[in-house]
């Protein structure tokens, strides 16, 4: 499982557990990582076409929505798990 940038270590541990036990979370996590890689690829280019700029904005929107869902599931896990 790849790391997620500036995620707190305790959140990353929860994310690891959720990836193992929650197929929906695993799908969200994998999609987020894939979008992150696509953005990194676009960011390596010296200049972007109009289409690439639009694609970058689209990816960022989707990635942000996914990040929000991931954060929500981590919060839910914290609330529902003892200790």
Protein backbone atom coordinates (compact mmCIF):
# COMPACT_ATOMS: atom_id res chain seq x y z
CA UNK A 1 0.00 0.00 0.00
CA UNK A 2 1.48 3.32 -1.06
CA UNK A 3 1.62 6.23 1.35
CA UNK A 4 -0.70 9.16 0.98
CA UNK A 5 1.44 12.27 1.16
CA UNK A 6 0.91 14.24 4.33
CA UNK A 7 -1.46 11.79 6.06
CA UNK A 8 -0.90 11.46 9.81
CA UNK A 9 0.75 8.14 10.76
CA UNK A 10 -2.26 7.05 12.84
CA UNK A 11 -4.60 7.78 9.91
CA UNK A 12 -2.33 5.81 7.60
CA UNK A 13 -2.49 2.84 9.99
CA UNK A 14 -6.30 3.02 9.93
CA UNK A 15 -6.22 3.28 6.13
CA UNK A 16 -4.08 0.13 5.99
CA UNK A 17 -6.60 -1.73 8.16
CA UNK A 18 -9.51 -0.48 6.08
CA UNK A 19 -7.80 -1.54 2.84
CA UNK A 20 -7.61 -5.05 4.26
CA UNK A 21 -11.18 -5.21 5.54
CA UNK A 22 -13.32 -2.81 3.47
CA UNK A 23 -13.46 -3.41 -0.31
CA UNK A 24 -15.10 -0.02 -0.91
CA UNK A 25 -12.32 1.76 0.97
CA UNK A 26 -9.67 -0.25 -0.91
CA UNK A 27 -11.24 0.82 -4.20
CA UNK A 28 -11.26 4.49 -3.10
CA UNK A 29 -7.63 4.23 -1.96
CA UNK A 30 -6.46 2.61 -5.20
CA UNK A 31 -8.31 5.16 -7.33
CA UNK A 32 -6.79 7.99 -5.29
CA UNK A 33 -3.29 6.59 -5.82
CA UNK A 34 -3.91 6.16 -9.55
CA UNK A 35 -5.10 9.78 -9.88
CA UNK A 36 -2.09 10.95 -7.88
CA UNK A 37 0.20 9.19 -10.36
CA UNK A 38 -1.61 10.71 -13.35
CA UNK A 39 -1.23 14.18 -11.86
CA UNK A 40 2.46 13.58 -11.21
CA UNK A 41 2.88 12.52 -14.83
CA UNK A 42 1.16 15.67 -16.09
CA UNK A 43 3.25 17.80 -13.73
CA UNK A 44 6.46 16.55 -15.35
CA UNK A 45 5.58 18.23 -18.64
CA UNK A 46 7.06 21.63 -19.33
CA UNK A 47 3.86 22.85 -20.92
CA UNK A 48 0.39 21.43 -21.20
CA UNK A 49 -2.07 21.51 -24.04
CA UNK A 50 -5.51 22.94 -23.36
CA UNK A 51 -6.85 19.40 -23.19
CA UNK A 52 -4.17 18.37 -20.70
CA UNK A 53 -4.94 21.40 -18.52
CA UNK A 54 -8.63 20.50 -18.54
CA UNK A 55 -7.75 16.89 -17.73
CA UNK A 56 -5.56 18.04 -14.84
CA UNK A 57 -8.41 20.11 -13.39
CA UNK A 58 -10.82 17.19 -13.80
CA UNK A 59 -8.42 14.78 -12.08
CA UNK A 60 -7.89 17.23 -9.21
CA UNK A 61 -11.66 17.51 -8.65
CA UNK A 62 -12.14 13.74 -8.66
CA UNK A 63 -9.10 13.24 -6.44
CA UNK A 64 -10.37 15.78 -3.91
CA UNK A 65 -13.79 14.11 -3.76
CA UNK A 66 -12.08 10.77 -3.19
CA UNK A 67 -9.84 12.25 -0.51
CA UNK A 68 -12.92 13.57 1.30
CA UNK A 69 -14.55 10.11 1.17
CA UNK A 70 -11.36 8.48 2.47
CA UNK A 71 -11.18 10.98 5.34
CA UNK A 72 -14.84 10.38 6.17
CA UNK A 73 -14.34 6.60 6.32
CA UNK A 74 -11.30 7.05 8.58
CA UNK A 75 -13.36 9.29 10.90
CA UNK A 76 -16.16 6.72 10.94
CA UNK A 77 -13.67 4.00 11.80
CA UNK A 78 -12.31 6.05 14.70
CA UNK A 79 -15.82 6.62 16.09
CA UNK A 80 -16.93 3.00 15.72
CA UNK A 81 -13.74 1.30 16.95
CA UNK A 82 -13.09 0.88 20.66
CA UNK A 83 -9.82 2.20 22.02
